[in-house]
Amino acid sequence: MSNVEFAEKKRVTRRGSFLANIEQVMTWVGLEAVIAPNYPTDTNDRRTLSLSRMARVYRIKQ
């Protein structure tokens, strides 16, 4: 097999399939639109997570 063919045959992990299912189920754009007005922005002393990353991490932990 060539390297290109081998790269295309990646094994689908449980984590990968779970995250793919979550992406299909959740409407992230709508959720982010609701959260965005209340989400803090970066300050000089502390960087915040991006809104999309924070929403995904929070939802997966629920």
Protein backbone atom coordinates (compact mmCIF):
# COMPACT_ATOMS: atom_id res chain seq x y z
CA MET A 1 0.00 0.00 0.00
CA SER A 2 1.15 3.49 -0.68
CA ASN A 3 1.26 6.13 2.02
CA VAL A 4 -1.79 7.88 0.56
CA GLU A 5 -3.92 4.74 0.72
CA PHE A 6 -2.75 4.01 4.25
CA ALA A 7 -3.58 7.55 5.41
CA GLU A 8 -7.13 7.22 4.09
CA LYS A 9 -7.76 4.00 6.07
CA LYS A 10 -7.87 5.44 9.56
CA ARG A 11 -9.67 3.48 12.23
CA VAL A 12 -12.75 5.21 13.62
CA THR A 13 -12.35 5.41 17.38
CA ARG A 14 -15.16 5.53 19.91
CA ARG A 15 -14.18 9.06 20.79
CA GLY A 16 -14.23 10.12 17.14
CA SER A 17 -17.62 8.58 16.48
CA PHE A 18 -19.01 10.12 19.69
CA LEU A 19 -17.78 13.59 18.75
CA ALA A 20 -19.16 13.19 15.23
CA ASN A 21 -22.57 12.27 16.68
CA ILE A 22 -22.52 15.26 19.03
CA GLU A 23 -21.71 17.57 16.11
CA GLN A 24 -24.80 16.32 14.28
CA VAL A 25 -27.15 16.50 17.28
CA MET A 26 -26.23 19.90 18.73
CA THR A 27 -26.98 23.19 17.02
CA TRP A 28 -23.78 24.94 18.05
CA VAL A 29 -24.45 28.14 16.13
CA GLY A 30 -27.75 28.71 17.92
CA LEU A 31 -26.27 27.88 21.31
CA GLU A 32 -23.33 30.21 20.77
CA ALA A 33 -25.65 33.02 19.70
CA VAL A 34 -27.50 32.74 23.02
CA ILE A 35 -24.32 32.60 25.13
CA ALA A 36 -22.22 35.21 23.27
CA PRO A 37 -23.70 38.38 24.85
CA ASN A 38 -22.91 37.07 28.35
CA TYR A 39 -19.57 35.40 27.63
CA PRO A 40 -16.54 37.30 28.99
CA THR A 41 -13.96 38.70 26.62
CA ASP A 42 -10.19 38.52 27.06
CA THR A 43 -8.72 40.63 29.80
CA ASN A 44 -5.14 41.72 30.26
CA ASP A 45 -4.40 39.24 33.01
CA ARG A 46 -6.25 36.14 31.79
CA ARG A 47 -7.13 34.66 28.40
CA THR A 48 -10.51 32.99 28.07
CA LEU A 49 -11.35 29.90 26.07
CA SER A 50 -13.02 30.47 22.76
CA LEU A 51 -16.77 30.36 23.06
CA SER A 52 -17.15 27.38 20.75
CA ARG A 53 -14.57 25.33 22.64
CA MET A 54 -16.06 26.19 26.04
CA ALA A 55 -19.58 25.27 24.92
CA ARG A 56 -18.47 21.90 23.53
CA VAL A 57 -16.44 20.99 26.62
CA TYR A 58 -19.27 21.99 28.94
CA ARG A 59 -21.89 20.08 26.97
CA ILE A 60 -19.82 16.90 26.71
CA LYS A 61 -19.23 16.90 30.48
CA GLN A 62 -22.96 17.05 31.19
